[in-house]
Amino acid sequence: MDEQTWYSIKAKYPIGTFVRGKVIQHQPYGVFLDIGEPGVKGLIRIVDFVDVGEMREDMYPPIGAIVGGIICDNSNRENAQINLSTKPSLIHDFLMNLRKQDEIDPTYLQDM
């Protein structure tokens, strides 16, 4: 993938963004997702599934399953790959940040 296209992808999918994709491949080191971006794959490495305990290949979501994760790295231009994490702690932090944003009442801000 050329550099300009990759920078566009990185801009569209910044670190910390929640992304959903379909599991398309299992590997001993993780699962690949189709995130709906032509030529770009999402990867959830085996170490990025759980905070504590051990994740094993037999625990992977099945091929075809829809999985969501937080983008934790988008620097692999050579493989056109975005790394995701499904660690509960990261998902929790992401959801809490969304909740804080939703708690601001826009009509309250208009009155200021």
N, C-alpha and C. Protein backbone atom coordinates (compact mmCIF):
# COMPACT_ATOMS: atom_id res chain seq x y z
N MET A 1 0.85 -1.18 0.00
CA MET A 1 0.00 0.00 0.00
C MET A 1 0.90 1.24 0.00
N ASP A 2 0.56 2.19 -0.85
CA ASP A 2 1.40 3.39 -0.93
C ASP A 2 1.22 4.25 0.32
N GLU A 3 2.19 5.10 0.55
CA GLU A 3 2.25 5.90 1.76
C GLU A 3 1.05 6.84 1.91
N GLN A 4 0.66 7.49 0.83
CA GLN A 4 -0.47 8.43 0.88
C GLN A 4 -1.77 7.71 1.28
N THR A 5 -2.02 6.56 0.68
CA THR A 5 -3.22 5.79 1.03
C THR A 5 -3.18 5.37 2.48
N TRP A 6 -2.00 4.93 2.94
CA TRP A 6 -1.88 4.50 4.33
C TRP A 6 -2.13 5.66 5.30
N TYR A 7 -1.65 6.86 4.98
CA TYR A 7 -1.92 8.01 5.85
C TYR A 7 -3.41 8.33 5.89
N SER A 8 -4.09 8.13 4.79
CA SER A 8 -5.55 8.32 4.78
C SER A 8 -6.24 7.31 5.69
N ILE A 9 -5.78 6.07 5.65
CA ILE A 9 -6.33 5.02 6.51
C ILE A 9 -6.09 5.37 7.98
N LYS A 10 -4.86 5.79 8.29
CA LYS A 10 -4.53 6.15 9.68
C LYS A 10 -5.38 7.31 10.16
N ALA A 11 -5.67 8.26 9.29
CA ALA A 11 -6.51 9.39 9.66
C ALA A 11 -7.96 8.95 9.90
N LYS A 12 -8.42 8.00 9.12
CA LYS A 12 -9.78 7.49 9.25
C LYS A 12 -9.94 6.61 10.48
N TYR A 13 -8.87 5.91 10.87
CA TYR A 13 -8.90 4.96 11.98
C TYR A 13 -7.84 5.32 13.01
N PRO A 14 -8.01 6.41 13.75
CA PRO A 14 -6.99 6.79 14.73
C PRO A 14 -6.97 5.85 15.93
N ILE A 15 -5.84 5.83 16.60
CA ILE A 15 -5.69 5.02 17.81
C ILE A 15 -6.74 5.47 18.82
N GLY A 16 -7.36 4.47 19.47
CA GLY A 16 -8.40 4.74 20.45
C GLY A 16 -9.81 4.65 19.90
N THR A 17 -9.95 4.45 18.59
CA THR A 17 -11.25 4.34 17.93
C THR A 17 -11.78 2.92 18.09
N PHE A 18 -13.09 2.81 18.30
CA PHE A 18 -13.75 1.50 18.35
C PHE A 18 -14.09 1.08 16.93
N VAL A 19 -13.75 -0.17 16.59
CA VAL A 19 -14.00 -0.70 15.25
C VAL A 19 -14.62 -2.08 15.36
N ARG A 20 -15.56 -2.37 14.48
CA ARG A 20 -16.14 -3.71 14.40
C ARG A 20 -15.69 -4.36 13.10
N GLY A 21 -15.55 -5.68 13.14
CA GLY A 21 -15.20 -6.40 11.93
C GLY A 21 -15.58 -7.85 12.02
N LYS A 22 -15.53 -8.52 10.87
CA LYS A 22 -15.87 -9.94 10.80
C LYS A 22 -14.59 -10.76 10.84
N VAL A 23 -14.58 -11.79 11.68
CA VAL A 23 -13.42 -12.68 11.77
C VAL A 23 -13.29 -13.43 10.45
N ILE A 24 -12.10 -13.31 9.83
CA ILE A 24 -11.89 -13.97 8.53
C ILE A 24 -10.77 -15.01 8.57
N GLN A 25 -9.96 -14.99 9.64
CA GLN A 25 -8.84 -15.93 9.67
C GLN A 25 -8.33 -16.10 11.10
N HIS A 26 -7.98 -17.33 11.44
CA HIS A 26 -7.33 -17.64 12.71
C HIS A 26 -5.86 -17.93 12.46
N GLN A 27 -5.01 -17.45 13.34
CA GLN A 27 -3.58 -17.75 13.32
C GLN A 27 -3.17 -18.06 14.76
N PRO A 28 -2.07 -18.76 14.97
CA PRO A 28 -1.63 -19.05 16.33
C PRO A 28 -1.41 -17.78 17.16
N TYR A 29 -1.11 -16.66 16.51
CA TYR A 29 -0.81 -15.42 17.21
C TYR A 29 -2.01 -14.47 17.32
N GLY A 30 -3.15 -14.81 16.72
CA GLY A 30 -4.32 -13.95 16.81
C GLY A 30 -5.33 -14.20 15.70
N VAL A 31 -6.31 -13.31 15.60
CA VAL A 31 -7.33 -13.43 14.55
C VAL A 31 -7.34 -12.18 13.68
N PHE A 32 -7.64 -12.38 12.41
CA PHE A 32 -7.75 -11.28 11.47
C PHE A 32 -9.21 -10.97 11.23
N LEU A 33 -9.48 -9.66 11.06
CA LEU A 33 -10.84 -9.19 10.83
C LEU A 33 -10.92 -8.43 9.51
N ASP A 34 -12.05 -8.57 8.86
CA ASP A 34 -12.40 -7.70 7.74
C ASP A 34 -13.11 -6.51 8.37
N ILE A 35 -12.50 -5.34 8.32
CA ILE A 35 -13.09 -4.16 8.95
C ILE A 35 -13.86 -3.30 7.94
N GLY A 36 -14.02 -3.81 6.74
CA GLY A 36 -14.80 -3.09 5.73
C GLY A 36 -14.01 -2.07 4.94
N GLU A 37 -12.70 -2.11 5.08
CA GLU A 37 -11.82 -1.19 4.36
C GLU A 37 -11.03 -2.01 3.34
N PRO A 38 -11.24 -1.79 2.04
CA PRO A 38 -10.55 -2.60 1.04
C PRO A 38 -9.03 -2.61 1.24
N GLY A 39 -8.47 -3.80 1.28
CA GLY A 39 -7.02 -3.97 1.38
C GLY A 39 -6.46 -3.82 2.78
N VAL A 40 -7.30 -3.57 3.79
CA VAL A 40 -6.84 -3.38 5.16
C VAL A 40 -7.47 -4.44 6.05
N LYS A 41 -6.65 -5.04 6.91
CA LYS A 41 -7.14 -6.05 7.85
C LYS A 41 -6.96 -5.54 9.27
N GLY A 42 -7.85 -5.98 10.14
CA GLY A 42 -7.67 -5.77 11.57
C GLY A 42 -7.05 -7.03 12.15
N LEU A 43 -6.21 -6.87 13.14
CA LEU A 43 -5.61 -8.02 13.83
C LEU A 43 -5.79 -7.84 15.33
N ILE A 44 -6.36 -8.86 15.95
CA ILE A 44 -6.38 -8.93 17.41
C ILE A 44 -5.39 -10.01 17.80
N ARG A 45 -4.27 -9.57 18.35
CA ARG A 45 -3.25 -10.54 18.77
C ARG A 45 -3.74 -11.29 20.00
N ILE A 46 -3.25 -12.49 20.17
CA ILE A 46 -3.70 -13.33 21.26
C ILE A 46 -3.50 -12.65 22.61
N VAL A 47 -2.47 -11.83 22.74
CA VAL A 47 -2.21 -11.12 24.01
C VAL A 47 -3.16 -9.94 24.21
N ASP A 48 -3.92 -9.57 23.18
CA ASP A 48 -4.81 -8.41 23.27
C ASP A 48 -6.28 -8.79 23.47
N PHE A 49 -6.54 -10.04 23.85
CA PHE A 49 -7.91 -10.47 24.11
C PHE A 49 -8.33 -10.28 25.57
N VAL A 50 -7.43 -10.58 26.49
CA VAL A 50 -7.79 -10.58 27.91
C VAL A 50 -6.79 -9.79 28.73
N ASP A 51 -7.28 -9.24 29.85
CA ASP A 51 -6.40 -8.52 30.78
C ASP A 51 -5.57 -9.49 31.63
N VAL A 52 -6.25 -10.48 32.15
CA VAL A 52 -5.60 -11.47 33.01
C VAL A 52 -5.99 -12.86 32.53
N GLY A 53 -5.19 -13.82 32.91
CA GLY A 53 -5.46 -15.18 32.49
C GLY A 53 -4.82 -15.46 31.14
N GLU A 54 -5.17 -16.58 30.61
CA GLU A 54 -4.55 -17.03 29.36
C GLU A 54 -5.60 -17.17 28.26
N MET A 55 -5.31 -16.61 27.14
CA MET A 55 -6.16 -16.77 25.96
C MET A 55 -5.54 -17.87 25.12
N ARG A 56 -6.37 -18.80 24.67
CA ARG A 56 -5.90 -19.91 23.84
C ARG A 56 -6.62 -19.86 22.49
N GLU A 57 -5.99 -20.47 21.51
CA GLU A 57 -6.59 -20.49 20.17
C GLU A 57 -7.99 -21.08 20.17
N ASP A 58 -8.23 -22.09 21.01
CA ASP A 58 -9.56 -22.71 21.03
C ASP A 58 -10.63 -21.77 21.59
N MET A 59 -10.22 -20.63 22.13
CA MET A 59 -11.16 -19.64 22.66
C MET A 59 -11.45 -18.52 21.66
N TYR A 60 -10.80 -18.54 20.50
CA TYR A 60 -11.01 -17.51 19.48
C TYR A 60 -12.48 -17.45 19.07
N PRO A 61 -12.96 -16.25 18.71
CA PRO A 61 -14.30 -16.18 18.13
C PRO A 61 -14.30 -16.92 16.79
N PRO A 62 -15.43 -17.53 16.43
CA PRO A 62 -15.46 -18.32 15.20
C PRO A 62 -15.34 -17.44 13.94
N ILE A 63 -14.90 -18.06 12.86
CA ILE A 63 -14.86 -17.40 11.56
C ILE A 63 -16.28 -16.92 11.25
N GLY A 64 -16.40 -15.69 10.82
CA GLY A 64 -17.70 -15.11 10.50
C GLY A 64 -18.31 -14.30 11.63
N ALA A 65 -17.79 -14.46 12.85
CA ALA A 65 -18.32 -13.71 13.99
C ALA A 65 -17.97 -12.23 13.85
N ILE A 66 -18.85 -11.37 14.33
CA ILE A 66 -18.60 -9.94 14.35
C ILE A 66 -17.99 -9.61 15.72
N VAL A 67 -16.84 -8.95 15.68
CA VAL A 67 -16.09 -8.64 16.89
C VAL A 67 -15.76 -7.15 16.88
N GLY A 68 -15.78 -6.54 18.05
CA GLY A 68 -15.40 -5.14 18.18
C GLY A 68 -14.14 -5.02 19.00
N GLY A 69 -13.37 -3.99 18.72
CA GLY A 69 -12.15 -3.75 19.47
C GLY A 69 -11.71 -2.29 19.34
N ILE A 70 -10.77 -1.94 20.17
CA ILE A 70 -10.20 -0.59 20.18
C ILE A 70 -8.89 -0.61 19.41
N ILE A 71 -8.71 0.35 18.50
CA ILE A 71 -7.46 0.43 17.75
C ILE A 71 -6.34 0.82 18.70
N CYS A 72 -5.31 -0.03 18.76
CA CYS A 72 -4.17 0.25 19.65
C CYS A 72 -2.90 0.52 18.85
N ASP A 73 -2.91 0.25 17.54
CA ASP A 73 -1.74 0.55 16.71
C ASP A 73 -2.18 0.51 15.25
N ASN A 74 -1.77 1.49 14.49
CA ASN A 74 -2.09 1.52 13.06
C ASN A 74 -0.85 1.87 12.25
N SER A 75 0.28 1.28 12.65
CA SER A 75 1.54 1.65 12.02
C SER A 75 2.10 0.59 11.07
N ASN A 76 1.32 -0.46 10.77
CA ASN A 76 1.84 -1.53 9.92
C ASN A 76 1.41 -1.36 8.47
N ARG A 77 2.04 -0.42 7.79
CA ARG A 77 1.70 -0.12 6.40
C ARG A 77 2.07 -1.28 5.49
N GLU A 78 3.19 -1.94 5.75
CA GLU A 78 3.64 -3.04 4.88
C GLU A 78 2.58 -4.12 4.74
N ASN A 79 1.91 -4.45 5.84
CA ASN A 79 0.88 -5.49 5.82
C ASN A 79 -0.53 -4.92 5.73
N ALA A 80 -0.66 -3.59 5.64
CA ALA A 80 -1.97 -2.92 5.64
C ALA A 80 -2.83 -3.48 6.77
N GLN A 81 -2.29 -3.36 7.97
CA GLN A 81 -2.88 -4.00 9.14
C GLN A 81 -3.05 -3.01 10.27
N ILE A 82 -4.22 -3.07 10.91
CA ILE A 82 -4.52 -2.26 12.08
C ILE A 82 -4.68 -3.21 13.25
N ASN A 83 -3.94 -2.95 14.33
CA ASN A 83 -4.01 -3.82 15.50
C ASN A 83 -5.08 -3.33 16.46
N LEU A 84 -5.88 -4.28 16.93
CA LEU A 84 -7.00 -3.99 17.82
C LEU A 84 -6.81 -4.71 19.15
N SER A 85 -7.50 -4.23 20.16
CA SER A 85 -7.52 -4.90 21.45
C SER A 85 -8.97 -5.06 21.90
N THR A 86 -9.26 -6.20 22.48
CA THR A 86 -10.58 -6.45 23.07
C THR A 86 -10.46 -6.62 24.58
N LYS A 87 -9.34 -6.18 25.14
CA LYS A 87 -9.17 -6.31 26.58
C LYS A 87 -10.30 -5.57 27.29
N PRO A 88 -10.93 -6.24 28.26
CA PRO A 88 -12.05 -5.60 28.96
C PRO A 88 -11.70 -4.24 29.56
N SER A 89 -10.50 -4.06 30.06
CA SER A 89 -10.13 -2.78 30.66
C SER A 89 -10.15 -1.66 29.63
N LEU A 90 -9.68 -1.92 28.42
CA LEU A 90 -9.69 -0.89 27.38
C LEU A 90 -11.11 -0.58 26.90
N ILE A 91 -11.92 -1.64 26.75
CA ILE A 91 -13.30 -1.44 26.32
C ILE A 91 -14.04 -0.63 27.40
N HIS A 92 -13.82 -0.96 28.65
CA HIS A 92 -14.44 -0.23 29.75
C HIS A 92 -14.06 1.25 29.71
N ASP A 93 -12.77 1.53 29.57
CA ASP A 93 -12.32 2.92 29.51
C ASP A 93 -12.96 3.66 28.34
N PHE A 94 -13.03 3.00 27.19
CA PHE A 94 -13.64 3.59 26.01
C PHE A 94 -15.10 3.93 26.29
N LEU A 95 -15.84 2.99 26.86
CA LEU A 95 -17.26 3.22 27.14
C LEU A 95 -17.46 4.31 28.20
N MET A 96 -16.59 4.35 29.19
CA MET A 96 -16.71 5.39 30.21
C MET A 96 -16.46 6.77 29.61
N ASN A 97 -15.52 6.87 28.68
CA ASN A 97 -15.27 8.15 28.01
C ASN A 97 -16.48 8.58 27.19
N LEU A 98 -17.12 7.62 26.52
CA LEU A 98 -18.34 7.94 25.77
C LEU A 98 -19.43 8.43 26.71
N ARG A 99 -19.56 7.76 27.84
CA ARG A 99 -20.59 8.14 28.81
C ARG A 99 -20.35 9.56 29.31
N LYS A 100 -19.11 9.90 29.60
CA LYS A 100 -18.80 11.25 30.06
C LYS A 100 -19.17 12.29 29.01
N GLN A 101 -18.92 11.97 27.74
CA GLN A 101 -19.27 12.90 26.67
C GLN A 101 -20.78 13.07 26.56
N ASP A 102 -21.52 11.96 26.75
CA ASP A 102 -22.97 12.02 26.66
C ASP A 102 -23.61 12.74 27.84
N GLU A 103 -22.90 12.83 28.97
CA GLU A 103 -23.47 13.47 30.15
C GLU A 103 -23.53 14.99 30.02
N ILE A 104 -22.81 15.54 29.05
CA ILE A 104 -22.87 16.99 28.84
C ILE A 104 -24.15 17.31 28.09
N ASP A 105 -24.99 18.12 28.68
CA ASP A 105 -26.25 18.50 28.08
C ASP A 105 -26.00 19.65 27.11
N PRO A 106 -26.17 19.42 25.79
CA PRO A 106 -25.88 20.48 24.82
C PRO A 106 -26.74 21.73 25.02
N THR A 107 -27.96 21.58 25.53
CA THR A 107 -28.79 22.77 25.75
C THR A 107 -28.24 23.60 26.89
N TYR A 108 -27.61 22.97 27.86
CA TYR A 108 -26.98 23.69 28.96
C TYR A 108 -25.83 24.55 28.42
N LEU A 109 -25.07 23.99 27.51
CA LEU A 109 -23.93 24.73 26.95
C LEU A 109 -24.41 25.90 26.09
N GLN A 110 -25.56 25.78 25.45
CA GLN A 110 -26.07 26.85 24.60
C GLN A 110 -26.45 28.07 25.43
N ASP A 111 -26.86 27.84 26.68
CA ASP A 111 -27.28 28.95 27.54
C ASP A 111 -26.12 29.74 28.09
N MET A 112 -24.92 29.30 27.92
CA MET A 112 -23.74 29.97 28.50
C MET A 112 -23.28 31.10 27.62
